[in-house]
Amino acid sequence: MTGLALAVPAHAESASDAATANTEGQDTVQAPANTLGHTGGLFGDSSLELATGADYSTGHYGASSDTTVWSIPVDLKAQLGRLRVQASLPYEFIDGPGQLVGGVIVSSPDGATTSRSGIGDLNLSAAYLLTRENGLLPAIEFGGGVKLPTAKTTLGTGKTDYSVNASLYKTVAPGAMLFGSIGYSWLGSPAAYRLRNGLTASGGINFRPASNQNYGVSVAYREPVADGLKGQAVVSPYMTYRFSKLVGLTLYGVAGLNDASPRIGAGIRLTVFQ
């Protein structure tokens, strides 16, 4: 979902693995699992997920013409007790003047409209479930990530980015959970222009009518990544369906809330569980 690191239910019901994976340099929805950090201590239980699919988005992002992005990601996630580690590497197709910067699209300094493709940036992240829900207290998770500049500079900035975040999850009714996150990212600046570090924030609600289904909506905001730009804000409805113990499917949509955000986007993800 080009445009912003989206908030998605990192956990469904009173329990699930994080539901985010990184693609096109930003977070997108991925099917929640069924347990929150598992129950066997740090390494008392483990699981592995492999996912791929396709993501699409288009928008002006403050430029005079659209930038359209297609991405085919490969996402790997391992749950080790309360610890989750993830890696994502996409193949990108970009058409327009925009460039991926800190998980959002901005217009390139020269404003040239070009078509290019190639391997994107490698995104690595980890999160630890500090506490589970207990009465009125929510579940709390802390995490961090790094973007390694594996993409050529026509697709990305060629610099390393870092981020940290804290997330809360609270069941408010049977099958319904509120979630929210706040974070901060440090962006490496290329030679052509200087980028700004900034806050990210997100939140939403997840409904779980059955153990193999999740439906919800999230909203997310990222402070401007450069002087003269607006912050990017998006809303994203989603659904996940787990066909069996081995296979799950996610569908999502994206709509921008201002002209600095993607106008529209959508994606699909097929996940294999072990």
C-alpha atoms as a PDB file:
ATOM      1  CA  MET A   1       0.000   0.000   0.000  1.00  0.00           C
ATOM      2  CA  THR A   2       1.944   2.903  -1.210  1.00  0.00           C
ATOM      3  CA  GLY A   3       1.693   5.929   0.948  1.00  0.00           C
ATOM      4  CA  LEU A   4       2.065   5.042   4.592  1.00  0.00           C
ATOM      5  CA  ALA A   5       2.931   2.534   7.244  1.00  0.00           C
ATOM      6  CA  LEU A   6      -0.519   1.237   7.957  1.00  0.00           C
ATOM      7  CA  ALA A   7      -1.850   0.201  11.276  1.00  0.00           C
ATOM      8  CA  VAL A   8      -3.443  -3.160  11.185  1.00  0.00           C
ATOM      9  CA  PRO A   9      -4.516  -5.337  14.032  1.00  0.00           C
ATOM     10  CA  ALA A  10      -1.350  -6.679  15.302  1.00  0.00           C
ATOM     11  CA  HIS A  11      -3.517  -9.064  17.256  1.00  0.00           C
ATOM     12  CA  ALA A  12      -6.958 -10.450  16.741  1.00  0.00           C
ATOM     13  CA  GLU A  13      -9.294 -11.259  19.599  1.00  0.00           C
ATOM     14  CA  SER A  14      -7.499 -11.702  22.889  1.00  0.00           C
ATOM     15  CA  ALA A  15      -4.752 -13.290  20.990  1.00  0.00           C
ATOM     16  CA  SER A  16      -2.918 -13.321  17.721  1.00  0.00           C
ATOM     17  CA  ASP A  17       0.401 -12.747  16.112  1.00  0.00           C
ATOM     18  CA  ALA A  18       1.171  -9.387  14.582  1.00  0.00           C
ATOM     19  CA  ALA A  19      -0.819  -8.799  11.483  1.00  0.00           C
ATOM     20  CA  THR A  20       1.552  -6.525   9.676  1.00  0.00           C
ATOM     21  CA  ALA A  21       4.158  -7.182   7.064  1.00  0.00           C
ATOM     22  CA  ASN A  22       6.213  -4.766   5.061  1.00  0.00           C
ATOM     23  CA  THR A  23       5.843  -4.269   1.347  1.00  0.00           C
ATOM     24  CA  GLU A  24       6.660  -1.383  -0.981  1.00  0.00           C
ATOM     25  CA  GLY A  25       8.628   0.006   1.933  1.00  0.00           C
ATOM     26  CA  GLN A  26       5.638   0.141   4.223  1.00  0.00           C
ATOM     27  CA  ASP A  27       3.404  -2.007   6.380  1.00  0.00           C
ATOM     28  CA  THR A  28       0.406  -3.763   4.950  1.00  0.00           C
ATOM     29  CA  VAL A  29      -2.231  -6.113   6.233  1.00  0.00           C
ATOM     30  CA  GLN A  30      -1.494  -9.749   6.748  1.00  0.00           C
ATOM     31  CA  ALA A  31      -3.662 -12.448   8.242  1.00  0.00           C
ATOM     32  CA  PRO A  32      -3.565 -12.664  12.039  1.00  0.00           C
ATOM     33  CA  ALA A  33      -2.815 -15.992  13.630  1.00  0.00           C
ATOM     34  CA  ASN A  34      -4.685 -17.360  16.607  1.00  0.00           C
ATOM     35  CA  THR A  35      -2.481 -16.765  19.634  1.00  0.00           C
ATOM     36  CA  LEU A  36      -1.056 -13.648  21.182  1.00  0.00           C
ATOM     37  CA  GLY A  37       2.604 -14.280  21.779  1.00  0.00           C
ATOM     38  CA  HIS A  38       1.796 -17.955  22.493  1.00  0.00           C
ATOM     39  CA  THR A  39       1.977 -19.210  26.058  1.00  0.00           C
ATOM     40  CA  GLY A  40       5.258 -21.041  26.471  1.00  0.00           C
ATOM     41  CA  GLY A  41       7.641 -18.254  27.439  1.00  0.00           C
ATOM     42  CA  LEU A  42      10.169 -16.670  25.109  1.00  0.00           C
ATOM     43  CA  PHE A  43      10.859 -19.823  23.101  1.00  0.00           C
ATOM     44  CA  GLY A  44       8.251 -22.183  24.504  1.00  0.00           C
ATOM     45  CA  ASP A  45       6.312 -22.290  21.245  1.00  0.00           C
ATOM     46  CA  SER A  46       7.094 -21.286  17.696  1.00  0.00           C
ATOM     47  CA  SER A  47       5.542 -20.879  14.267  1.00  0.00           C
ATOM     48  CA  LEU A  48       6.655 -19.873  10.799  1.00  0.00           C
ATOM     49  CA  GLU A  49       4.771 -18.083   8.007  1.00  0.00           C
ATOM     50  CA  LEU A  50       5.666 -17.441   4.375  1.00  0.00           C
ATOM     51  CA  ALA A  51       3.526 -15.038   2.343  1.00  0.00           C
ATOM     52  CA  THR A  52       3.413 -13.496  -1.102  1.00  0.00           C
ATOM     53  CA  GLY A  53       0.876 -11.683  -3.247  1.00  0.00           C
ATOM     54  CA  ALA A  54       0.484  -8.347  -4.996  1.00  0.00           C
ATOM     55  CA  ASP A  55      -0.032  -4.725  -3.939  1.00  0.00           C
ATOM     56  CA  TYR A  56      -1.249  -1.812  -6.066  1.00  0.00           C
ATOM     57  CA  SER A  57      -1.602   1.905  -5.420  1.00  0.00           C
ATOM     58  CA  THR A  58      -1.796   5.164  -7.320  1.00  0.00           C
ATOM     59  CA  GLY A  59      -1.912   8.838  -6.390  1.00  0.00           C
ATOM     60  CA  HIS A  60      -0.570  12.322  -7.137  1.00  0.00           C
ATOM     61  CA  TYR A  61       1.382  12.729  -3.863  1.00  0.00           C
ATOM     62  CA  GLY A  62       1.521  16.471  -4.527  1.00  0.00           C
ATOM     63  CA  ALA A  63       2.878  16.108  -8.070  1.00  0.00           C
ATOM     64  CA  SER A  64       1.185  17.072 -11.332  1.00  0.00           C
ATOM     65  CA  SER A  65       0.824  13.440 -12.469  1.00  0.00           C
ATOM     66  CA  ASP A  66       0.148  10.064 -10.866  1.00  0.00           C
ATOM     67  CA  THR A  67       2.698   7.644  -9.516  1.00  0.00           C
ATOM     68  CA  THR A  68       1.523   4.049  -9.800  1.00  0.00           C
ATOM     69  CA  VAL A  69       3.194   1.248  -7.860  1.00  0.00           C
ATOM     70  CA  TRP A  70       2.864  -2.507  -8.216  1.00  0.00           C
ATOM     71  CA  SER A  71       4.717  -4.697  -5.750  1.00  0.00           C
ATOM     72  CA  ILE A  72       5.208  -8.453  -5.417  1.00  0.00           C
ATOM     73  CA  PRO A  73       6.490  -9.105  -1.893  1.00  0.00           C
ATOM     74  CA  VAL A  74       8.012 -12.122  -0.218  1.00  0.00           C
ATOM     75  CA  ASP A  75       7.318 -11.970   3.523  1.00  0.00           C
ATOM     76  CA  LEU A  76       8.730 -14.279   6.189  1.00  0.00           C
ATOM     77  CA  LYS A  77       7.610 -14.221   9.818  1.00  0.00           C
ATOM     78  CA  ALA A  78       8.715 -16.351  12.772  1.00  0.00           C
ATOM     79  CA  GLN A  79       6.959 -16.367  16.142  1.00  0.00           C
ATOM     80  CA  LEU A  80       9.160 -17.534  19.012  1.00  0.00           C
ATOM     81  CA  GLY A  81       7.056 -17.412  22.141  1.00  0.00           C
ATOM     82  CA  ARG A  82       6.466 -13.719  22.828  1.00  0.00           C
ATOM     83  CA  LEU A  83       9.099 -12.670  20.291  1.00  0.00           C
ATOM     84  CA  ARG A  84       8.210 -12.075  16.632  1.00  0.00           C
ATOM     85  CA  VAL A  85      10.740 -11.463  13.866  1.00  0.00           C
ATOM     86  CA  GLN A  86       9.872 -10.547  10.274  1.00  0.00           C
ATOM     87  CA  ALA A  87      11.585  -9.935   6.961  1.00  0.00           C
ATOM     88  CA  SER A  88      10.144  -8.646   3.685  1.00  0.00           C
ATOM     89  CA  LEU A  89      11.698  -8.166   0.264  1.00  0.00           C
ATOM     90  CA  PRO A  90       9.494  -6.911  -2.606  1.00  0.00           C
ATOM     91  CA  TYR A  91       9.939  -6.679  -6.344  1.00  0.00           C
ATOM     92  CA  GLU A  92       8.700  -3.233  -7.384  1.00  0.00           C
ATOM     93  CA  PHE A  93       7.231  -1.674 -10.527  1.00  0.00           C
ATOM     94  CA  ILE A  94       6.982   2.150 -10.344  1.00  0.00           C
ATOM     95  CA  ASP A  95       5.594   4.430 -13.043  1.00  0.00           C
ATOM     96  CA  GLY A  96       5.592   8.182 -12.407  1.00  0.00           C
ATOM     97  CA  PRO A  97       7.594  10.932 -10.700  1.00  0.00           C
ATOM     98  CA  GLY A  98       7.279   9.453  -7.197  1.00  0.00           C
ATOM     99  CA  GLN A  99       9.944   7.706  -5.155  1.00  0.00           C
ATOM    100  CA  LEU A 100       9.728   5.499  -2.068  1.00  0.00           C
ATOM    101  CA  VAL A 101      10.982   7.441   0.952  1.00  0.00           C
ATOM    102  CA  GLY A 102      10.626   6.244   4.520  1.00  0.00           C
ATOM    103  CA  GLY A 103       7.633   4.074   3.687  1.00  0.00           C
ATOM    104  CA  VAL A 104       5.785   6.781   1.749  1.00  0.00           C
ATOM    105  CA  ILE A 105       5.761   8.064  -1.820  1.00  0.00           C
ATOM    106  CA  VAL A 106       7.125  11.557  -2.531  1.00  0.00           C
ATOM    107  CA  SER A 107       7.773  13.262  -5.853  1.00  0.00           C
ATOM    108  CA  SER A 108      11.379  13.104  -7.000  1.00  0.00           C
ATOM    109  CA  PRO A 109      13.243  16.439  -6.942  1.00  0.00           C
ATOM    110  CA  ASP A 110      13.475  16.692 -10.751  1.00  0.00           C
ATOM    111  CA  GLY A 111       9.806  15.725 -11.226  1.00  0.00           C
ATOM    112  CA  ALA A 112      10.675  13.378 -14.085  1.00  0.00           C
ATOM    113  CA  THR A 113       8.076  10.763 -14.999  1.00  0.00           C
ATOM    114  CA  THR A 114       9.775   7.416 -15.550  1.00  0.00           C
ATOM    115  CA  SER A 115       9.032   3.712 -15.440  1.00  0.00           C
ATOM    116  CA  ARG A 116      11.422   1.471 -13.536  1.00  0.00           C
ATOM    117  CA  SER A 117      11.416  -1.856 -11.747  1.00  0.00           C
ATOM    118  CA  GLY A 118      13.622  -4.042  -9.625  1.00  0.00           C
ATOM    119  CA  ILE A 119      14.191  -5.540  -6.204  1.00  0.00           C
ATOM    120  CA  GLY A 120      13.059  -3.211  -3.427  1.00  0.00           C
ATOM    121  CA  ASP A 121      14.519  -2.479  -0.032  1.00  0.00           C
ATOM    122  CA  LEU A 122      14.869  -5.269   2.534  1.00  0.00           C
ATOM    123  CA  ASN A 123      12.823  -4.595   5.660  1.00  0.00           C
ATOM    124  CA  LEU A 124      13.644  -6.370   8.930  1.00  0.00           C
ATOM    125  CA  SER A 125      11.655  -5.999  12.145  1.00  0.00           C
ATOM    126  CA  ALA A 126      11.179  -7.558  15.570  1.00  0.00           C
ATOM    127  CA  ALA A 127       8.617  -7.109  18.339  1.00  0.00           C
ATOM    128  CA  TYR A 128       8.232  -8.426  21.856  1.00  0.00           C
ATOM    129  CA  LEU A 129       4.938  -8.873  23.685  1.00  0.00           C
ATOM    130  CA  LEU A 130       5.627  -7.256  27.050  1.00  0.00           C
ATOM    131  CA  THR A 131       2.266  -7.934  28.706  1.00  0.00           C
ATOM    132  CA  ARG A 132      -0.939  -9.753  27.824  1.00  0.00           C
ATOM    133  CA  GLU A 133      -4.413  -8.369  28.507  1.00  0.00           C
ATOM    134  CA  ASN A 134      -5.282  -8.439  32.191  1.00  0.00           C
ATOM    135  CA  GLY A 135      -8.633  -7.037  33.257  1.00  0.00           C
ATOM    136  CA  LEU A 136      -8.782  -3.411  32.165  1.00  0.00           C
ATOM    137  CA  LEU A 137      -5.132  -3.404  31.123  1.00  0.00           C
ATOM    138  CA  PRO A 138      -4.369  -3.843  27.396  1.00  0.00           C
ATOM    139  CA  ALA A 139      -1.735  -6.046  25.836  1.00  0.00           C
ATOM    140  CA  ILE A 140       1.451  -4.057  25.202  1.00  0.00           C
ATOM    141  CA  GLU A 141       4.063  -4.738  22.541  1.00  0.00           C
ATOM    142  CA  PHE A 142       7.347  -2.972  21.749  1.00  0.00           C
ATOM    143  CA  GLY A 143       9.159  -3.302  18.438  1.00  0.00           C
ATOM    144  CA  GLY A 144      11.663  -1.867  16.035  1.00  0.00           C
ATOM    145  CA  GLY A 145      12.810  -2.204  12.465  1.00  0.00           C
ATOM    146  CA  VAL A 146      15.463  -1.368   9.929  1.00  0.00           C
ATOM    147  CA  LYS A 147      15.201  -0.799   6.189  1.00  0.00           C
ATOM    148  CA  LEU A 148      18.322  -1.877   4.344  1.00  0.00           C
ATOM    149  CA  PRO A 149      18.964  -0.157   0.975  1.00  0.00           C
ATOM    150  CA  THR A 150      18.918  -3.185  -1.319  1.00  0.00           C
ATOM    151  CA  ALA A 151      16.909  -1.287  -3.985  1.00  0.00           C
ATOM    152  CA  LYS A 152      18.595   0.775  -6.660  1.00  0.00           C
ATOM    153  CA  THR A 153      18.357   4.527  -6.115  1.00  0.00           C
ATOM    154  CA  THR A 154      15.720   4.984  -8.830  1.00  0.00           C
ATOM    155  CA  LEU A 155      13.390   2.936  -6.595  1.00  0.00           C
ATOM    156  CA  GLY A 156      14.518   4.015  -3.120  1.00  0.00           C
ATOM    157  CA  THR A 157      16.824   6.453  -1.364  1.00  0.00           C
ATOM    158  CA  GLY A 158      19.883   4.214  -1.146  1.00  0.00           C
ATOM    159  CA  LYS A 159      20.055   4.911   2.597  1.00  0.00           C
ATOM    160  CA  THR A 160      19.281   2.947   5.770  1.00  0.00           C
ATOM    161  CA  ASP A 161      16.197   3.822   7.850  1.00  0.00           C
ATOM    162  CA  TYR A 162      15.371   2.891  11.455  1.00  0.00           C
ATOM    163  CA  SER A 163      12.123   2.822  13.424  1.00  0.00           C
ATOM    164  CA  VAL A 164      10.701   1.998  16.863  1.00  0.00           C
ATOM    165  CA  ASN A 165       7.090   1.606  17.968  1.00  0.00           C
ATOM    166  CA  ALA A 166       4.807   0.699  20.850  1.00  0.00           C
ATOM    167  CA  SER A 167       1.413  -0.965  20.311  1.00  0.00           C
ATOM    168  CA  LEU A 168      -1.649  -1.579  22.485  1.00  0.00           C
ATOM    169  CA  TYR A 169      -4.443  -4.146  21.986  1.00  0.00           C
ATOM    170  CA  LYS A 170      -7.654  -4.305  24.005  1.00  0.00           C
ATOM    171  CA  THR A 171     -10.654  -6.595  23.673  1.00  0.00           C
ATOM    172  CA  VAL A 172     -13.807  -4.482  24.083  1.00  0.00           C
ATOM    173  CA  ALA A 173     -16.471  -7.113  23.352  1.00  0.00           C
ATOM    174  CA  PRO A 174     -16.548 -10.777  22.364  1.00  0.00           C
ATOM    175  CA  GLY A 175     -14.884 -10.927  18.968  1.00  0.00           C
ATOM    176  CA  ALA A 176     -13.968  -7.217  18.883  1.00  0.00           C
ATOM    177  CA  MET A 177     -10.615  -5.613  19.590  1.00  0.00           C
ATOM    178  CA  LEU A 178      -9.299  -2.048  19.468  1.00  0.00           C
ATOM    179  CA  PHE A 179      -5.660  -1.545  18.514  1.00  0.00           C
ATOM    180  CA  GLY A 180      -3.323   1.395  18.260  1.00  0.00           C
ATOM    181  CA  SER A 181       0.336   2.170  17.775  1.00  0.00           C
ATOM    182  CA  ILE A 182       2.725   5.096  17.973  1.00  0.00           C
ATOM    183  CA  GLY A 183       6.240   5.114  16.615  1.00  0.00           C
ATOM    184  CA  TYR A 184       9.164   7.158  15.401  1.00  0.00           C
ATOM    185  CA  SER A 185      11.351   6.718  12.339  1.00  0.00           C
ATOM    186  CA  TRP A 186      14.820   7.978  11.431  1.00  0.00           C
ATOM    187  CA  LEU A 187      15.328   8.402   7.685  1.00  0.00           C
ATOM    188  CA  GLY A 188      18.646   8.386   5.870  1.00  0.00           C
ATOM    189  CA  SER A 189      18.856  11.333   3.452  1.00  0.00           C
ATOM    190  CA  PRO A 190      20.120  10.908  -0.122  1.00  0.00           C
ATOM    191  CA  ALA A 191      22.411  13.508  -1.671  1.00  0.00           C
ATOM    192  CA  ALA A 192      19.617  15.198  -3.664  1.00  0.00           C
ATOM    193  CA  TYR A 193      17.386  16.233  -0.742  1.00  0.00           C
ATOM    194  CA  ARG A 194      17.131  16.130   3.034  1.00  0.00           C
ATOM    195  CA  LEU A 195      14.539  13.979   4.782  1.00  0.00           C
ATOM    196  CA  ARG A 196      12.891  14.563   8.155  1.00  0.00           C
ATOM    197  CA  ASN A 197      12.552  12.081  10.977  1.00  0.00           C
ATOM    198  CA  GLY A 198       9.046  11.870  12.356  1.00  0.00           C
ATOM    199  CA  LEU A 199       6.210  10.275  14.265  1.00  0.00           C
ATOM    200  CA  THR A 200       3.828   7.619  12.990  1.00  0.00           C
ATOM    201  CA  ALA A 201       0.472   6.820  14.560  1.00  0.00           C
ATOM    202  CA  SER A 202      -2.257   4.340  13.783  1.00  0.00           C
ATOM    203  CA  GLY A 203      -5.360   2.703  15.175  1.00  0.00           C
ATOM    204  CA  GLY A 204      -8.433   0.718  14.325  1.00  0.00           C
ATOM    205  CA  ILE A 205     -10.824  -2.049  15.206  1.00  0.00           C
ATOM    206  CA  ASN A 206     -10.728  -5.761  14.428  1.00  0.00           C
ATOM    207  CA  PHE A 207     -13.740  -8.102  14.399  1.00  0.00           C
ATOM    208  CA  ARG A 208     -13.281 -11.864  14.722  1.00  0.00           C
ATOM    209  CA  PRO A 209     -16.610 -13.625  14.129  1.00  0.00           C
ATOM    210  CA  ALA A 210     -14.906 -17.024  13.897  1.00  0.00           C
ATOM    211  CA  SER A 211     -11.485 -18.425  14.771  1.00  0.00           C
ATOM    212  CA  ASN A 212     -10.446 -18.428  11.089  1.00  0.00           C
ATOM    213  CA  GLN A 213     -11.812 -14.979  10.103  1.00  0.00           C
ATOM    214  CA  ASN A 214     -10.927 -11.340  10.779  1.00  0.00           C
ATOM    215  CA  TYR A 215     -12.526  -8.145   9.448  1.00  0.00           C
ATOM    216  CA  GLY A 216     -11.572  -4.614  10.305  1.00  0.00           C
ATOM    217  CA  VAL A 217     -10.492  -1.133   9.397  1.00  0.00           C
ATOM    218  CA  SER A 218      -7.411   0.886  10.298  1.00  0.00           C
ATOM    219  CA  VAL A 219      -6.289   4.495   9.916  1.00  0.00           C
ATOM    220  CA  ALA A 220      -2.692   5.714   9.944  1.00  0.00           C
ATOM    221  CA  TYR A 221      -0.726   8.949   9.779  1.00  0.00           C
ATOM    222  CA  ARG A 222       2.928   9.744   9.123  1.00  0.00           C
ATOM    223  CA  GLU A 223       4.480  13.156   9.727  1.00  0.00           C
ATOM    224  CA  PRO A 224       5.928  14.886   6.621  1.00  0.00           C
ATOM    225  CA  VAL A 225       9.150  13.281   5.437  1.00  0.00           C
ATOM    226  CA  ALA A 226      10.541  16.504   3.910  1.00  0.00           C
ATOM    227  CA  ASP A 227      10.061  20.276   4.130  1.00  0.00           C
ATOM    228  CA  GLY A 228       7.179  21.536   2.025  1.00  0.00           C
ATOM    229  CA  LEU A 229       5.307  18.217   2.063  1.00  0.00           C
ATOM    230  CA  LYS A 230       2.150  17.266   3.912  1.00  0.00           C
ATOM    231  CA  GLY A 231       1.867  14.335   6.256  1.00  0.00           C
ATOM    232  CA  GLN A 232       0.338  11.231   4.700  1.00  0.00           C
ATOM    233  CA  ALA A 233      -2.896   9.693   6.038  1.00  0.00           C
ATOM    234  CA  VAL A 234      -4.801   6.609   4.880  1.00  0.00           C
ATOM    235  CA  VAL A 235      -7.747   4.438   5.833  1.00  0.00           C
ATOM    236  CA  SER A 236      -7.682   0.716   5.073  1.00  0.00           C
ATOM    237  CA  PRO A 237     -10.470  -1.873   5.351  1.00  0.00           C
ATOM    238  CA  TYR A 238      -9.328  -5.489   5.317  1.00  0.00           C
ATOM    239  CA  MET A 239     -10.378  -9.093   5.730  1.00  0.00           C
ATOM    240  CA  THR A 240      -8.476 -12.301   6.429  1.00  0.00           C
ATOM    241  CA  TYR A 241      -9.636 -15.874   6.021  1.00  0.00           C
ATOM    242  CA  ARG A 242      -7.754 -18.997   7.049  1.00  0.00           C
ATOM    243  CA  PHE A 243      -8.827 -21.932   4.900  1.00  0.00           C
ATOM    244  CA  SER A 244      -6.942 -24.525   6.945  1.00  0.00           C
ATOM    245  CA  LYS A 245      -4.057 -24.883   9.378  1.00  0.00           C
ATOM    246  CA  LEU A 246      -1.712 -24.399   6.421  1.00  0.00           C
ATOM    247  CA  VAL A 247      -3.199 -21.663   4.187  1.00  0.00           C
ATOM    248  CA  GLY A 248      -4.690 -18.199   4.718  1.00  0.00           C
ATOM    249  CA  LEU A 249      -5.776 -15.303   2.482  1.00  0.00           C
ATOM    250  CA  THR A 250      -5.858 -11.537   3.065  1.00  0.00           C
ATOM    251  CA  LEU A 251      -7.593  -8.843   1.007  1.00  0.00           C
ATOM    252  CA  TYR A 252      -7.371  -5.118   1.711  1.00  0.00           C
ATOM    253  CA  GLY A 253      -8.122  -1.703   0.257  1.00  0.00           C
ATOM    254  CA  VAL A 254      -6.554   1.726   0.767  1.00  0.00           C
ATOM    255  CA  ALA A 255      -7.950   5.247   0.435  1.00  0.00           C
ATOM    256  CA  GLY A 256      -5.982   8.428   1.030  1.00  0.00           C
ATOM    257  CA  LEU A 257      -7.310  11.166   3.297  1.00  0.00           C
ATOM    258  CA  ASN A 258      -5.391  14.022   1.624  1.00  0.00           C
ATOM    259  CA  ASP A 259      -3.641  14.756  -1.682  1.00  0.00           C
ATOM    260  CA  ALA A 260      -0.249  13.751  -0.258  1.00  0.00           C
ATOM    261  CA  SER A 261      -1.527  10.182   0.200  1.00  0.00           C
ATOM    262  CA  PRO A 262      -2.372   7.404  -2.255  1.00  0.00           C
ATOM    263  CA  ARG A 263      -5.717   8.074  -3.904  1.00  0.00           C
ATOM    264  CA  ILE A 264      -6.577   4.382  -3.966  1.00  0.00           C
ATOM    265  CA  GLY A 265      -4.899   1.041  -3.467  1.00  0.00           C
ATOM    266  CA  ALA A 266      -5.571  -2.644  -2.914  1.00  0.00           C
ATOM    267  CA  GLY A 267      -3.745  -5.871  -2.291  1.00  0.00           C
ATOM    268  CA  ILE A 268      -3.935  -9.601  -1.796  1.00  0.00           C
ATOM    269  CA  ARG A 269      -1.743 -11.873   0.259  1.00  0.00           C
ATOM    270  CA  LEU A 270      -1.539 -15.688   0.360  1.00  0.00           C
ATOM    271  CA  THR A 271       0.072 -17.054   3.532  1.00  0.00           C
ATOM    272  CA  VAL A 272       1.403 -20.551   4.192  1.00  0.00           C
ATOM    273  CA  PHE A 273       1.665 -21.522   7.868  1.00  0.00           C
ATOM    274  CA  GLN A 274       3.922 -24.136   9.399  1.00  0.00           C
END
